[in-house]
């Protein structure tokens, strides 16, 4: 079973408080999502391998480290996942970005795919799938299933808030995928929303209803 990391960093927890607040406007909400994603990406990339190189400083030659071998791709699940992209690219600007479009059927709560565009060299990359919310787990499971068909080197999943039901479902469907979570909430309500959660992340990011 792959590992699940629940973030406990004080800065993430602090920013989550304002993210949850119903009075937080769209601009501030977008900024917070990007900042939290950047902080989470720091942890999600902790195991990237390094190699030693020599670098000439103004004083002498130093033995230094650079990332070895692995190339990254970020794949946001549309549309809410787009809110996390700027934050992670601030840390890894050389990464490629793919997109997977899914929406949740309001009756069945099951994901429906309408778009999938991934980097051509996906087989050479470690993929980090981005979605602010892991509710039922359906969208994340389907997105990762589609990505696996393209045979990337490795897949990780990163979300800001998760429900226990979605986390369990994702682990069961994809036990080989490491999961990084900003906060694990209590449960899902009858409408498939995370409680206490923060409402609809896509609506709050883009100012729609």
C-alpha atoms as a PDB file:
ATOM      1  CA  UNK A   1       0.000   0.000   0.000  1.00  0.00           C
ATOM      2  CA  UNK A   2       1.312   3.434  -0.974  1.00  0.00           C
ATOM      3  CA  UNK A   3       1.707   6.077   1.699  1.00  0.00           C
ATOM      4  CA  UNK A   4      -0.788   8.754   2.697  1.00  0.00           C
ATOM      5  CA  UNK A   5       0.686  12.017   3.994  1.00  0.00           C
ATOM      6  CA  UNK A   6      -1.618  14.339   5.942  1.00  0.00           C
ATOM      7  CA  UNK A   7       0.078  17.738   6.061  1.00  0.00           C
ATOM      8  CA  UNK A   8       0.621  19.224   9.502  1.00  0.00           C
ATOM      9  CA  UNK A   9       2.752  22.228   8.564  1.00  0.00           C
ATOM     10  CA  UNK A  10       1.607  25.324  10.502  1.00  0.00           C
ATOM     11  CA  UNK A  11       1.534  27.534   7.390  1.00  0.00           C
ATOM     12  CA  UNK A  12      -0.762  25.104   5.566  1.00  0.00           C
ATOM     13  CA  UNK A  13      -3.085  24.816   8.550  1.00  0.00           C
ATOM     14  CA  UNK A  14      -3.135  28.598   8.964  1.00  0.00           C
ATOM     15  CA  UNK A  15      -4.016  29.212   5.321  1.00  0.00           C
ATOM     16  CA  UNK A  16      -6.674  26.479   5.367  1.00  0.00           C
ATOM     17  CA  UNK A  17      -8.564  28.432   8.021  1.00  0.00           C
ATOM     18  CA  UNK A  18      -9.005  31.384   5.668  1.00  0.00           C
ATOM     19  CA  UNK A  19      -9.689  29.086   2.705  1.00  0.00           C
ATOM     20  CA  UNK A  20     -12.632  27.520   4.544  1.00  0.00           C
ATOM     21  CA  UNK A  21     -14.157  30.842   5.615  1.00  0.00           C
ATOM     22  CA  UNK A  22     -17.362  31.526   3.695  1.00  0.00           C
ATOM     23  CA  UNK A  23     -16.546  35.249   3.646  1.00  0.00           C
ATOM     24  CA  UNK A  24     -13.286  34.754   1.714  1.00  0.00           C
ATOM     25  CA  UNK A  25     -13.714  36.241  -1.779  1.00  0.00           C
ATOM     26  CA  UNK A  26     -12.665  34.631  -5.050  1.00  0.00           C
ATOM     27  CA  UNK A  27      -9.394  36.541  -5.501  1.00  0.00           C
ATOM     28  CA  UNK A  28      -8.151  35.736  -2.006  1.00  0.00           C
ATOM     29  CA  UNK A  29      -9.430  32.174  -2.345  1.00  0.00           C
ATOM     30  CA  UNK A  30      -7.461  31.680  -5.579  1.00  0.00           C
ATOM     31  CA  UNK A  31      -4.314  33.075  -3.986  1.00  0.00           C
ATOM     32  CA  UNK A  32      -4.679  30.775  -0.978  1.00  0.00           C
ATOM     33  CA  UNK A  33      -5.214  27.699  -3.154  1.00  0.00           C
ATOM     34  CA  UNK A  34      -2.016  28.507  -5.065  1.00  0.00           C
ATOM     35  CA  UNK A  35      -0.027  29.128  -1.881  1.00  0.00           C
ATOM     36  CA  UNK A  36      -1.223  25.916  -0.229  1.00  0.00           C
ATOM     37  CA  UNK A  37      -0.483  23.933  -3.404  1.00  0.00           C
ATOM     38  CA  UNK A  38       3.057  25.310  -3.463  1.00  0.00           C
ATOM     39  CA  UNK A  39       3.648  24.338   0.159  1.00  0.00           C
ATOM     40  CA  UNK A  40       2.219  20.865  -0.428  1.00  0.00           C
ATOM     41  CA  UNK A  41       4.334  20.393  -3.561  1.00  0.00           C
ATOM     42  CA  UNK A  42       7.424  21.004  -1.447  1.00  0.00           C
ATOM     43  CA  UNK A  43       6.525  17.888   0.545  1.00  0.00           C
ATOM     44  CA  UNK A  44       5.301  15.822  -2.421  1.00  0.00           C
ATOM     45  CA  UNK A  45       8.669  16.253  -4.199  1.00  0.00           C
ATOM     46  CA  UNK A  46      10.775  15.450  -1.128  1.00  0.00           C
ATOM     47  CA  UNK A  47      11.881  12.064  -2.530  1.00  0.00           C
ATOM     48  CA  UNK A  48      13.160  13.320  -5.892  1.00  0.00           C
ATOM     49  CA  UNK A  49      16.615  11.811  -6.455  1.00  0.00           C
ATOM     50  CA  UNK A  50      19.696  14.042  -6.567  1.00  0.00           C
ATOM     51  CA  UNK A  51      23.070  13.779  -8.240  1.00  0.00           C
ATOM     52  CA  UNK A  52      26.269  15.613  -7.449  1.00  0.00           C
ATOM     53  CA  UNK A  53      27.709  18.172  -9.864  1.00  0.00           C
ATOM     54  CA  UNK A  54      30.481  20.727  -9.705  1.00  0.00           C
ATOM     55  CA  UNK A  55      29.588  24.418  -9.774  1.00  0.00           C
ATOM     56  CA  UNK A  56      32.074  27.255 -10.038  1.00  0.00           C
ATOM     57  CA  UNK A  57      31.254  30.016  -7.578  1.00  0.00           C
ATOM     58  CA  UNK A  58      33.009  33.428  -7.549  1.00  0.00           C
ATOM     59  CA  UNK A  59      35.304  31.940  -4.907  1.00  0.00           C
ATOM     60  CA  UNK A  60      35.918  28.265  -5.744  1.00  0.00           C
ATOM     61  CA  UNK A  61      34.465  25.086  -7.239  1.00  0.00           C
ATOM     62  CA  UNK A  62      31.675  23.644  -5.103  1.00  0.00           C
ATOM     63  CA  UNK A  63      30.208  20.164  -5.094  1.00  0.00           C
ATOM     64  CA  UNK A  64      26.446  20.754  -5.370  1.00  0.00           C
ATOM     65  CA  UNK A  65      23.237  18.818  -6.057  1.00  0.00           C
ATOM     66  CA  UNK A  66      20.723  18.821  -8.901  1.00  0.00           C
ATOM     67  CA  UNK A  67      17.629  16.699  -9.483  1.00  0.00           C
ATOM     68  CA  UNK A  68      18.645  13.479 -11.208  1.00  0.00           C
ATOM     69  CA  UNK A  69      16.731  11.768 -13.957  1.00  0.00           C
ATOM     70  CA  UNK A  70      13.089  12.313 -13.037  1.00  0.00           C
ATOM     71  CA  UNK A  71      11.032  14.802 -15.002  1.00  0.00           C
ATOM     72  CA  UNK A  72       7.717  16.039 -13.639  1.00  0.00           C
ATOM     73  CA  UNK A  73       4.267  16.606 -15.083  1.00  0.00           C
ATOM     74  CA  UNK A  74       1.366  18.180 -13.240  1.00  0.00           C
ATOM     75  CA  UNK A  75      -2.130  17.121 -14.283  1.00  0.00           C
ATOM     76  CA  UNK A  76      -4.969  19.190 -12.819  1.00  0.00           C
ATOM     77  CA  UNK A  77      -8.457  17.740 -12.884  1.00  0.00           C
ATOM     78  CA  UNK A  78     -10.588  20.419 -14.542  1.00  0.00           C
ATOM     79  CA  UNK A  79     -11.789  22.774 -13.545  1.00  0.00           C
ATOM     80  CA  UNK A  80     -10.925  23.257  -9.862  1.00  0.00           C
ATOM     81  CA  UNK A  81      -7.482  21.656 -10.241  1.00  0.00           C
ATOM     82  CA  UNK A  82      -6.417  24.637 -12.364  1.00  0.00           C
ATOM     83  CA  UNK A  83      -6.322  26.696  -9.190  1.00  0.00           C
ATOM     84  CA  UNK A  84      -3.337  24.674  -7.951  1.00  0.00           C
ATOM     85  CA  UNK A  85      -1.217  24.897 -11.104  1.00  0.00           C
ATOM     86  CA  UNK A  86       0.432  28.302 -10.630  1.00  0.00           C
ATOM     87  CA  UNK A  87       1.538  27.356  -7.121  1.00  0.00           C
ATOM     88  CA  UNK A  88       3.249  24.116  -8.130  1.00  0.00           C
ATOM     89  CA  UNK A  89       4.820  25.654 -11.244  1.00  0.00           C
ATOM     90  CA  UNK A  90       6.352  28.345  -9.049  1.00  0.00           C
ATOM     91  CA  UNK A  91       8.401  25.544  -7.473  1.00  0.00           C
ATOM     92  CA  UNK A  92       9.001  23.466 -10.622  1.00  0.00           C
ATOM     93  CA  UNK A  93       8.763  25.817 -13.613  1.00  0.00           C
ATOM     94  CA  UNK A  94      10.244  23.245 -16.009  1.00  0.00           C
ATOM     95  CA  UNK A  95       7.415  20.755 -15.424  1.00  0.00           C
ATOM     96  CA  UNK A  96       4.917  19.970 -18.172  1.00  0.00           C
ATOM     97  CA  UNK A  97       1.183  20.384 -17.582  1.00  0.00           C
ATOM     98  CA  UNK A  98      -1.537  18.035 -18.815  1.00  0.00           C
ATOM     99  CA  UNK A  99      -5.289  18.360 -18.316  1.00  0.00           C
ATOM    100  CA  UNK A 100      -8.127  15.970 -17.557  1.00  0.00           C
ATOM    101  CA  UNK A 101     -11.701  17.217 -17.715  1.00  0.00           C
ATOM    102  CA  UNK A 102     -14.269  15.502 -15.508  1.00  0.00           C
ATOM    103  CA  UNK A 103     -17.586  16.562 -14.062  1.00  0.00           C
ATOM    104  CA  UNK A 104     -19.722  14.860 -11.460  1.00  0.00           C
ATOM    105  CA  UNK A 105     -23.169  13.686 -12.545  1.00  0.00           C
ATOM    106  CA  UNK A 106     -25.530  15.335 -10.029  1.00  0.00           C
ATOM    107  CA  UNK A 107     -27.772  12.270  -9.923  1.00  0.00           C
ATOM    108  CA  UNK A 108     -25.275   9.393  -9.719  1.00  0.00           C
ATOM    109  CA  UNK A 109     -22.336  11.434  -8.296  1.00  0.00           C
ATOM    110  CA  UNK A 110     -20.141   9.483 -10.734  1.00  0.00           C
ATOM    111  CA  UNK A 111     -17.433  11.217 -12.826  1.00  0.00           C
ATOM    112  CA  UNK A 112     -17.991  11.838 -16.526  1.00  0.00           C
ATOM    113  CA  UNK A 113     -14.866  12.460 -18.627  1.00  0.00           C
ATOM    114  CA  UNK A 114     -14.996  15.078 -21.379  1.00  0.00           C
ATOM    115  CA  UNK A 115     -11.311  15.942 -22.010  1.00  0.00           C
ATOM    116  CA  UNK A 116      -7.872  14.373 -21.666  1.00  0.00           C
ATOM    117  CA  UNK A 117      -4.625  15.924 -22.974  1.00  0.00           C
ATOM    118  CA  UNK A 118      -1.298  14.762 -21.538  1.00  0.00           C
ATOM    119  CA  UNK A 119       2.357  15.519 -22.423  1.00  0.00           C
ATOM    120  CA  UNK A 120       3.616  13.451 -25.373  1.00  0.00           C
ATOM    121  CA  UNK A 121       6.547  12.148 -23.307  1.00  0.00           C
ATOM    122  CA  UNK A 122       4.390  11.136 -20.333  1.00  0.00           C
ATOM    123  CA  UNK A 123       6.184   7.765 -20.182  1.00  0.00           C
ATOM    124  CA  UNK A 124       9.346   9.596 -19.087  1.00  0.00           C
ATOM    125  CA  UNK A 125       7.680  11.609 -16.333  1.00  0.00           C
ATOM    126  CA  UNK A 126       6.511  11.376 -12.769  1.00  0.00           C
ATOM    127  CA  UNK A 127       2.949  12.682 -12.689  1.00  0.00           C
ATOM    128  CA  UNK A 128       1.344  14.597  -9.820  1.00  0.00           C
ATOM    129  CA  UNK A 129      -2.443  14.789 -10.197  1.00  0.00           C
ATOM    130  CA  UNK A 130      -3.999  17.936  -8.700  1.00  0.00           C
ATOM    131  CA  UNK A 131      -7.508  18.477  -7.330  1.00  0.00           C
ATOM    132  CA  UNK A 132      -8.402  20.687  -4.358  1.00  0.00           C
ATOM    133  CA  UNK A 133     -11.087  18.283  -3.086  1.00  0.00           C
ATOM    134  CA  UNK A 134     -11.183  14.496  -2.680  1.00  0.00           C
ATOM    135  CA  UNK A 135     -14.851  13.853  -1.915  1.00  0.00           C
ATOM    136  CA  UNK A 136     -16.271  10.541  -3.188  1.00  0.00           C
ATOM    137  CA  UNK A 137     -12.953   9.809  -4.900  1.00  0.00           C
ATOM    138  CA  UNK A 138     -14.623   9.110  -8.234  1.00  0.00           C
ATOM    139  CA  UNK A 139     -12.928  11.873 -10.239  1.00  0.00           C
ATOM    140  CA  UNK A 140      -9.468  11.106  -8.846  1.00  0.00           C
ATOM    141  CA  UNK A 141      -9.876   7.374  -9.473  1.00  0.00           C
ATOM    142  CA  UNK A 142     -11.001   7.918 -13.058  1.00  0.00           C
ATOM    143  CA  UNK A 143      -8.286  10.504 -13.792  1.00  0.00           C
ATOM    144  CA  UNK A 144      -5.535   8.229 -12.486  1.00  0.00           C
ATOM    145  CA  UNK A 145      -6.969   5.300 -14.452  1.00  0.00           C
ATOM    146  CA  UNK A 146      -6.751   7.354 -17.664  1.00  0.00           C
ATOM    147  CA  UNK A 147      -3.186   8.446 -16.898  1.00  0.00           C
ATOM    148  CA  UNK A 148      -2.065   4.878 -16.156  1.00  0.00           C
ATOM    149  CA  UNK A 149      -3.069   3.904 -19.707  1.00  0.00           C
ATOM    150  CA  UNK A 150      -0.206   6.159 -20.894  1.00  0.00           C
ATOM    151  CA  UNK A 151       2.345   4.372 -18.636  1.00  0.00           C
ATOM    152  CA  UNK A 152       4.048   7.216 -16.729  1.00  0.00           C
ATOM    153  CA  UNK A 153       6.979   6.387 -14.476  1.00  0.00           C
ATOM    154  CA  UNK A 154       5.029   7.150 -11.299  1.00  0.00           C
ATOM    155  CA  UNK A 155       1.803   8.824 -10.183  1.00  0.00           C
ATOM    156  CA  UNK A 156       1.075  10.828  -7.042  1.00  0.00           C
ATOM    157  CA  UNK A 157      -2.148  12.546  -6.037  1.00  0.00           C
ATOM    158  CA  UNK A 158      -2.347  15.860  -4.209  1.00  0.00           C
ATOM    159  CA  UNK A 159      -5.483  17.441  -2.740  1.00  0.00           C
ATOM    160  CA  UNK A 160      -6.105  20.203  -0.234  1.00  0.00           C
ATOM    161  CA  UNK A 161      -9.087  18.663   1.604  1.00  0.00           C
ATOM    162  CA  UNK A 162     -10.210  15.020   1.640  1.00  0.00           C
ATOM    163  CA  UNK A 163     -13.139  13.082   3.050  1.00  0.00           C
ATOM    164  CA  UNK A 164     -12.412   9.702   4.674  1.00  0.00           C
ATOM    165  CA  UNK A 165     -14.734   8.007   2.155  1.00  0.00           C
ATOM    166  CA  UNK A 166     -12.837   9.392  -0.831  1.00  0.00           C
ATOM    167  CA  UNK A 167      -9.454   8.638   0.651  1.00  0.00           C
ATOM    168  CA  UNK A 168     -10.443   5.024   1.312  1.00  0.00           C
ATOM    169  CA  UNK A 169     -11.896   4.621  -2.190  1.00  0.00           C
ATOM    170  CA  UNK A 170      -8.776   6.053  -3.857  1.00  0.00           C
ATOM    171  CA  UNK A 171      -6.459   3.836  -1.817  1.00  0.00           C
ATOM    172  CA  UNK A 172      -8.505   0.775  -2.704  1.00  0.00           C
ATOM    173  CA  UNK A 173      -8.648   1.590  -6.433  1.00  0.00           C
ATOM    174  CA  UNK A 174      -5.006   2.684  -6.771  1.00  0.00           C
ATOM    175  CA  UNK A 175      -2.954   1.227  -3.908  1.00  0.00           C
ATOM    176  CA  UNK A 176       0.288   2.128  -5.710  1.00  0.00           C
ATOM    177  CA  UNK A 177      -0.363   5.901  -5.715  1.00  0.00           C
ATOM    178  CA  UNK A 178       1.048   8.079  -2.919  1.00  0.00           C
ATOM    179  CA  UNK A 179      -1.522  10.586  -1.647  1.00  0.00           C
ATOM    180  CA  UNK A 180      -0.822  14.008  -0.149  1.00  0.00           C
ATOM    181  CA  UNK A 181      -3.635  15.711   1.761  1.00  0.00           C
ATOM    182  CA  UNK A 182      -3.771  19.163   3.340  1.00  0.00           C
ATOM    183  CA  UNK A 183      -6.562  18.250   5.774  1.00  0.00           C
ATOM    184  CA  UNK A 184      -8.678  15.145   6.367  1.00  0.00           C
ATOM    185  CA  UNK A 185     -12.257  16.191   7.199  1.00  0.00           C
ATOM    186  CA  UNK A 186     -15.119  14.374   8.917  1.00  0.00           C
ATOM    187  CA  UNK A 187     -17.460  12.899   6.318  1.00  0.00           C
ATOM    188  CA  UNK A 188     -19.547  13.409   3.167  1.00  0.00           C
ATOM    189  CA  UNK A 189     -23.103  14.709   3.371  1.00  0.00           C
ATOM    190  CA  UNK A 190     -26.052  13.383   1.360  1.00  0.00           C
ATOM    191  CA  UNK A 191     -25.112  15.618  -1.576  1.00  0.00           C
ATOM    192  CA  UNK A 192     -21.533  14.331  -1.759  1.00  0.00           C
ATOM    193  CA  UNK A 193     -19.994  17.470  -0.230  1.00  0.00           C
ATOM    194  CA  UNK A 194     -17.160  17.280   2.281  1.00  0.00           C
ATOM    195  CA  UNK A 195     -18.121  18.293   5.822  1.00  0.00           C
ATOM    196  CA  UNK A 196     -17.028  20.772   7.096  1.00  0.00           C
ATOM    197  CA  UNK A 197     -15.103  21.320   3.844  1.00  0.00           C
ATOM    198  CA  UNK A 198     -15.219  24.671   2.074  1.00  0.00           C
ATOM    199  CA  UNK A 199     -18.108  24.361  -0.370  1.00  0.00           C
ATOM    200  CA  UNK A 200     -17.586  23.957  -4.114  1.00  0.00           C
ATOM    201  CA  UNK A 201     -13.919  24.681  -4.815  1.00  0.00           C
ATOM    202  CA  UNK A 202     -14.470  25.389  -8.511  1.00  0.00           C
ATOM    203  CA  UNK A 203     -17.221  27.910  -7.842  1.00  0.00           C
ATOM    204  CA  UNK A 204     -15.125  29.669  -5.195  1.00  0.00           C
ATOM    205  CA  UNK A 205     -11.985  29.778  -7.377  1.00  0.00           C
ATOM    206  CA  UNK A 206     -13.746  31.138 -10.459  1.00  0.00           C
ATOM    207  CA  UNK A 207     -16.552  33.126  -8.802  1.00  0.00           C
ATOM    208  CA  UNK A 208     -19.368  31.062 -10.308  1.00  0.00           C
ATOM    209  CA  UNK A 209     -22.479  29.511  -8.789  1.00  0.00           C
END
